[in-house]
Amino acid sequence: MPVASNWVRGYLEDQHPPMAVQGVPQAEAIVVLG
């Protein structure tokens, strides 16, 4: 779901530096937040 991925990326960028977000697979990030 592109919309969910964009929301997750924006949410993570608010919580962590952009470099940290790039180092984490979106699929894994979604599972952690889910």
C-alpha atoms as a PDB file:
ATOM      1  CA  MET A   1       0.000   0.000   0.000  1.00  0.00           C
ATOM      2  CA  PRO A   2       1.871   3.082  -1.266  1.00  0.00           C
ATOM      3  CA  VAL A   3      -0.140   5.427   0.952  1.00  0.00           C
ATOM      4  CA  ALA A   4       0.713   3.425   4.066  1.00  0.00           C
ATOM      5  CA  SER A   5       4.380   3.311   3.058  1.00  0.00           C
ATOM      6  CA  ASN A   6       4.478   7.081   2.608  1.00  0.00           C
ATOM      7  CA  TRP A   7       2.800   7.575   5.996  1.00  0.00           C
ATOM      8  CA  VAL A   8       5.239   5.185   7.658  1.00  0.00           C
ATOM      9  CA  ARG A   9       8.220   6.923   6.067  1.00  0.00           C
ATOM     10  CA  GLY A  10       6.965  10.340   7.187  1.00  0.00           C
ATOM     11  CA  TYR A  11       6.258   9.012  10.688  1.00  0.00           C
ATOM     12  CA  LEU A  12       9.722   7.477  10.998  1.00  0.00           C
ATOM     13  CA  GLU A  13      11.386  10.635   9.687  1.00  0.00           C
ATOM     14  CA  ASP A  14       9.660  12.549  12.493  1.00  0.00           C
ATOM     15  CA  GLN A  15      11.030  10.064  15.047  1.00  0.00           C
ATOM     16  CA  HIS A  16      14.513   9.363  13.632  1.00  0.00           C
ATOM     17  CA  PRO A  17      17.121  10.973  11.338  1.00  0.00           C
ATOM     18  CA  PRO A  18      16.541  10.342   7.590  1.00  0.00           C
ATOM     19  CA  MET A  19      19.674   8.183   7.441  1.00  0.00           C
ATOM     20  CA  ALA A  20      18.239   5.838  10.066  1.00  0.00           C
ATOM     21  CA  VAL A  21      15.004   5.557   8.075  1.00  0.00           C
ATOM     22  CA  GLN A  22      16.917   4.626   4.916  1.00  0.00           C
ATOM     23  CA  GLY A  23      18.711   1.880   6.867  1.00  0.00           C
ATOM     24  CA  VAL A  24      15.434   0.212   7.862  1.00  0.00           C
ATOM     25  CA  PRO A  25      13.388  -1.813   5.357  1.00  0.00           C
ATOM     26  CA  GLN A  26       9.875  -0.356   5.058  1.00  0.00           C
ATOM     27  CA  ALA A  27       8.327  -3.818   5.416  1.00  0.00           C
ATOM     28  CA  GLU A  28      10.081  -4.280   8.761  1.00  0.00           C
ATOM     29  CA  ALA A  29       9.117  -0.774   9.864  1.00  0.00           C
ATOM     30  CA  ILE A  30       5.465  -1.478   9.063  1.00  0.00           C
ATOM     31  CA  VAL A  31       5.567  -4.673  11.144  1.00  0.00           C
ATOM     32  CA  VAL A  32       7.122  -2.825  14.095  1.00  0.00           C
ATOM     33  CA  LEU A  33       4.504  -0.070  13.971  1.00  0.00           C
ATOM     34  CA  GLY A  34       1.684  -2.499  13.221  1.00  0.00           C
END
